[in-house]
Structure formats: C-alpha cells, structure tokens
N, C-alpha and C. Protein backbone atom coordinates (compact mmCIF):
# COMPACT_ATOMS: atom_id res chain seq x y z
N MET A 1 0.82 -1.20 0.00
CA MET A 1 0.00 0.00 0.00
C MET A 1 0.86 1.26 0.00
N LYS A 2 2.00 1.19 0.71
CA LYS A 2 2.89 2.34 0.76
C LYS A 2 3.38 2.71 -0.63
N ASP A 3 3.67 1.70 -1.46
CA ASP A 3 4.13 1.96 -2.82
C ASP A 3 3.09 2.71 -3.63
N VAL A 4 1.81 2.39 -3.46
CA VAL A 4 0.73 3.06 -4.18
C VAL A 4 0.69 4.53 -3.79
N VAL A 5 0.82 4.81 -2.52
CA VAL A 5 0.81 6.20 -2.05
C VAL A 5 2.00 6.97 -2.62
N GLU A 6 3.16 6.34 -2.65
CA GLU A 6 4.35 7.00 -3.20
C GLU A 6 4.18 7.28 -4.69
N VAL A 7 3.58 6.35 -5.43
CA VAL A 7 3.33 6.58 -6.85
C VAL A 7 2.36 7.73 -7.04
N ARG A 8 1.29 7.76 -6.24
CA ARG A 8 0.34 8.88 -6.32
C ARG A 8 1.02 10.21 -6.05
N ARG A 9 1.90 10.23 -5.04
CA ARG A 9 2.61 11.48 -4.70
C ARG A 9 3.53 11.91 -5.84
N ARG A 10 4.23 10.95 -6.42
CA ARG A 10 5.13 11.28 -7.53
C ARG A 10 4.35 11.83 -8.72
N ILE A 11 3.26 11.18 -9.07
CA ILE A 11 2.44 11.65 -10.18
C ILE A 11 1.88 13.03 -9.86
N GLY A 12 1.36 13.21 -8.66
CA GLY A 12 0.82 14.52 -8.27
C GLY A 12 1.87 15.61 -8.34
N ALA A 13 3.09 15.31 -7.89
CA ALA A 13 4.18 16.29 -7.95
C ALA A 13 4.54 16.60 -9.40
N GLY A 14 4.52 15.59 -10.25
CA GLY A 14 4.83 15.80 -11.67
C GLY A 14 3.80 16.68 -12.36
N VAL A 15 2.53 16.39 -12.12
CA VAL A 15 1.46 17.20 -12.71
C VAL A 15 1.52 18.62 -12.16
N ARG A 16 1.71 18.74 -10.85
CA ARG A 16 1.79 20.07 -10.21
C ARG A 16 2.94 20.88 -10.81
N ALA A 17 4.10 20.25 -11.01
CA ALA A 17 5.25 20.95 -11.57
C ALA A 17 4.98 21.42 -13.00
N GLU A 18 4.37 20.58 -13.81
CA GLU A 18 4.05 20.97 -15.19
C GLU A 18 3.03 22.09 -15.22
N ALA A 19 2.04 22.03 -14.35
CA ALA A 19 1.04 23.11 -14.28
C ALA A 19 1.71 24.41 -13.86
N ALA A 20 2.59 24.34 -12.87
CA ALA A 20 3.28 25.54 -12.38
C ALA A 20 4.15 26.16 -13.46
N ARG A 21 4.81 25.33 -14.26
CA ARG A 21 5.65 25.86 -15.36
C ARG A 21 4.82 26.69 -16.33
N ARG A 22 3.54 26.40 -16.39
CA ARG A 22 2.66 27.10 -17.32
C ARG A 22 1.84 28.19 -16.64
N GLY A 23 2.10 28.40 -15.36
CA GLY A 23 1.37 29.44 -14.62
C GLY A 23 -0.08 29.08 -14.36
N LEU A 24 -0.39 27.79 -14.33
CA LEU A 24 -1.77 27.34 -14.12
C LEU A 24 -2.03 27.10 -12.65
N ARG A 25 -3.24 27.40 -12.24
CA ARG A 25 -3.68 27.19 -10.86
C ARG A 25 -4.44 25.87 -10.76
N GLN A 26 -4.64 25.42 -9.54
CA GLN A 26 -5.45 24.21 -9.33
C GLN A 26 -6.83 24.38 -9.96
N LEU A 27 -7.39 25.57 -9.86
CA LEU A 27 -8.71 25.82 -10.45
C LEU A 27 -8.68 25.60 -11.96
N ASP A 28 -7.62 26.07 -12.63
CA ASP A 28 -7.49 25.88 -14.07
C ASP A 28 -7.46 24.40 -14.43
N VAL A 29 -6.67 23.64 -13.68
CA VAL A 29 -6.57 22.20 -13.94
C VAL A 29 -7.93 21.54 -13.69
N GLY A 30 -8.60 21.94 -12.62
CA GLY A 30 -9.91 21.38 -12.31
C GLY A 30 -10.93 21.66 -13.40
N LEU A 31 -10.92 22.87 -13.92
CA LEU A 31 -11.84 23.21 -15.00
C LEU A 31 -11.57 22.35 -16.23
N ARG A 32 -10.31 22.13 -16.53
CA ARG A 32 -9.95 21.31 -17.68
C ARG A 32 -10.42 19.86 -17.51
N LEU A 33 -10.29 19.35 -16.27
CA LEU A 33 -10.64 17.95 -16.01
C LEU A 33 -12.10 17.76 -15.62
N GLY A 34 -12.79 18.86 -15.32
CA GLY A 34 -14.18 18.74 -14.88
C GLY A 34 -14.32 18.30 -13.44
N VAL A 35 -13.34 18.69 -12.61
CA VAL A 35 -13.38 18.37 -11.19
C VAL A 35 -13.16 19.65 -10.38
N SER A 36 -13.42 19.59 -9.10
CA SER A 36 -13.27 20.77 -8.24
C SER A 36 -11.80 21.08 -7.96
N GLN A 37 -11.56 22.29 -7.49
CA GLN A 37 -10.22 22.69 -7.07
C GLN A 37 -9.75 21.80 -5.93
N SER A 38 -10.65 21.46 -5.01
CA SER A 38 -10.24 20.61 -3.88
C SER A 38 -9.88 19.20 -4.35
N ALA A 39 -10.54 18.71 -5.39
CA ALA A 39 -10.19 17.40 -5.96
C ALA A 39 -8.80 17.46 -6.59
N VAL A 40 -8.48 18.56 -7.25
CA VAL A 40 -7.14 18.72 -7.82
C VAL A 40 -6.11 18.79 -6.70
N SER A 41 -6.42 19.51 -5.64
CA SER A 41 -5.51 19.60 -4.50
C SER A 41 -5.20 18.20 -3.96
N GLY A 42 -6.23 17.38 -3.82
CA GLY A 42 -6.05 16.02 -3.34
C GLY A 42 -5.20 15.18 -4.28
N ARG A 43 -5.37 15.39 -5.58
CA ARG A 43 -4.56 14.67 -6.56
C ARG A 43 -3.11 15.14 -6.52
N PHE A 44 -2.90 16.45 -6.45
CA PHE A 44 -1.53 16.98 -6.38
C PHE A 44 -0.80 16.44 -5.15
N ALA A 45 -1.51 16.30 -4.04
CA ALA A 45 -0.90 15.83 -2.79
C ALA A 45 -0.76 14.32 -2.73
N GLY A 46 -1.38 13.61 -3.66
CA GLY A 46 -1.31 12.16 -3.66
C GLY A 46 -2.37 11.49 -2.81
N ARG A 47 -3.30 12.27 -2.26
CA ARG A 47 -4.38 11.68 -1.46
C ARG A 47 -5.43 11.03 -2.35
N LEU A 48 -5.59 11.53 -3.57
CA LEU A 48 -6.53 10.98 -4.54
C LEU A 48 -5.75 10.61 -5.80
N PRO A 49 -6.16 9.55 -6.48
CA PRO A 49 -5.45 9.18 -7.71
C PRO A 49 -5.96 9.96 -8.92
N PHE A 50 -5.06 10.23 -9.86
CA PHE A 50 -5.47 10.69 -11.19
C PHE A 50 -5.91 9.46 -11.96
N SER A 51 -6.94 9.58 -12.78
CA SER A 51 -7.31 8.48 -13.65
C SER A 51 -6.38 8.48 -14.87
N ALA A 52 -6.32 7.37 -15.56
CA ALA A 52 -5.52 7.29 -16.78
C ALA A 52 -6.01 8.33 -17.80
N GLU A 53 -7.31 8.49 -17.89
CA GLU A 53 -7.88 9.46 -18.83
C GLU A 53 -7.46 10.89 -18.47
N GLU A 54 -7.43 11.19 -17.18
CA GLU A 54 -7.00 12.53 -16.74
C GLU A 54 -5.54 12.77 -17.09
N LEU A 55 -4.70 11.76 -16.87
CA LEU A 55 -3.28 11.92 -17.18
C LEU A 55 -3.06 12.11 -18.68
N VAL A 56 -3.80 11.40 -19.51
CA VAL A 56 -3.69 11.58 -20.96
C VAL A 56 -4.16 12.97 -21.35
N GLU A 57 -5.27 13.43 -20.78
CA GLU A 57 -5.79 14.77 -21.07
C GLU A 57 -4.77 15.84 -20.70
N LEU A 58 -4.17 15.71 -19.52
CA LEU A 58 -3.20 16.70 -19.07
C LEU A 58 -1.93 16.65 -19.91
N ALA A 59 -1.47 15.47 -20.25
CA ALA A 59 -0.28 15.35 -21.09
C ALA A 59 -0.51 16.01 -22.45
N ASP A 60 -1.68 15.80 -23.03
CA ASP A 60 -2.01 16.45 -24.30
C ASP A 60 -2.04 17.97 -24.14
N TRP A 61 -2.66 18.43 -23.06
CA TRP A 61 -2.79 19.87 -22.80
C TRP A 61 -1.41 20.51 -22.60
N PHE A 62 -0.56 19.84 -21.85
CA PHE A 62 0.78 20.36 -21.55
C PHE A 62 1.79 20.06 -22.66
N ASP A 63 1.39 19.24 -23.63
CA ASP A 63 2.26 18.83 -24.73
C ASP A 63 3.52 18.13 -24.21
N VAL A 64 3.31 17.17 -23.31
CA VAL A 64 4.39 16.34 -22.76
C VAL A 64 3.94 14.89 -22.80
N PRO A 65 4.88 13.95 -22.76
CA PRO A 65 4.47 12.54 -22.68
C PRO A 65 3.90 12.23 -21.29
N VAL A 66 2.98 11.31 -21.20
CA VAL A 66 2.41 10.91 -19.91
C VAL A 66 3.52 10.49 -18.96
N ALA A 67 4.56 9.87 -19.48
CA ALA A 67 5.66 9.40 -18.64
C ALA A 67 6.30 10.54 -17.84
N ARG A 68 6.19 11.77 -18.31
CA ARG A 68 6.77 12.91 -17.58
C ARG A 68 6.23 12.99 -16.16
N PHE A 69 4.98 12.61 -15.97
CA PHE A 69 4.36 12.71 -14.65
C PHE A 69 4.91 11.68 -13.66
N PHE A 70 5.60 10.68 -14.16
CA PHE A 70 6.15 9.63 -13.31
C PHE A 70 7.61 9.88 -12.93
N GLU A 71 8.21 10.91 -13.51
CA GLU A 71 9.61 11.22 -13.25
C GLU A 71 9.75 11.98 -11.92
N PRO A 72 10.86 11.79 -11.22
CA PRO A 72 11.09 12.55 -9.99
C PRO A 72 11.14 14.05 -10.29
N VAL A 73 10.60 14.84 -9.38
CA VAL A 73 10.57 16.29 -9.52
C VAL A 73 11.51 16.89 -8.49
N PRO A 74 12.46 17.73 -8.91
CA PRO A 74 13.34 18.37 -7.92
C PRO A 74 12.52 19.19 -6.93
N ASP A 75 12.89 19.09 -5.66
CA ASP A 75 12.24 19.86 -4.61
C ASP A 75 13.00 21.18 -4.48
N ALA A 76 12.35 22.27 -4.83
CA ALA A 76 12.99 23.59 -4.82
C ALA A 76 13.48 23.99 -3.44
N ARG A 77 12.82 23.50 -2.39
CA ARG A 77 13.20 23.90 -1.03
C ARG A 77 14.49 23.25 -0.58
N SER A 78 14.68 21.98 -0.94
CA SER A 78 15.84 21.26 -0.42
C SER A 78 16.90 20.95 -1.47
N GLY A 79 16.55 21.16 -2.73
CA GLY A 79 17.47 20.80 -3.80
C GLY A 79 17.42 19.32 -4.11
N GLY A 80 16.59 18.56 -3.37
CA GLY A 80 16.45 17.13 -3.59
C GLY A 80 15.29 16.85 -4.52
N GLU A 81 14.87 15.61 -4.51
CA GLU A 81 13.76 15.19 -5.37
C GLU A 81 12.53 14.92 -4.54
N VAL A 82 11.37 15.19 -5.15
CA VAL A 82 10.09 14.86 -4.55
C VAL A 82 9.60 13.59 -5.20
N GLY A 83 9.05 12.67 -4.42
CA GLY A 83 8.47 11.46 -4.99
C GLY A 83 9.46 10.39 -5.03
C-alpha cells in the first residue's frame, strides 16, 4: 500500500510541476478535467489518484508525454527530489 501512495505522490508532484511551469492554478486544472479545485488539491498531494484518462488529457494539454508525470521532480526547497 505504501508503494501506491508513493506513486500517487510522484504523479501529483509531476502534474503540479508541469502546471506551475505554465502558470496554471489548481482551479485551471480542475476546470480542464471537470473536477473541483479541492479534488485537484487532493490529486496533487497524492491523497486521490489521477485516472488514466485525466493523465492523458493533461499530457495532451501540456504537450508532454504521460511518462513525464512519473519522473522525480526536484524539490525547490531542499534541492532534492520529490516522490
């Protein structure tokens, strides 16, 4: 179960990083996916899973491969990686 939570966190961090690079807010992502801002917050934090369809939609929107969301994201605060 711990592995599932870690994967959710890594994906959430990846999506959050790509959204931030584009200046998008949680509300913007939620509107694109048809979910609430709080649902996006839960997905970014890894408390809720992204569906495969949501990841494909976001990858198309951001013009990145879906695999990008599974890559470690550098943590700006510590210089380390998140996820």
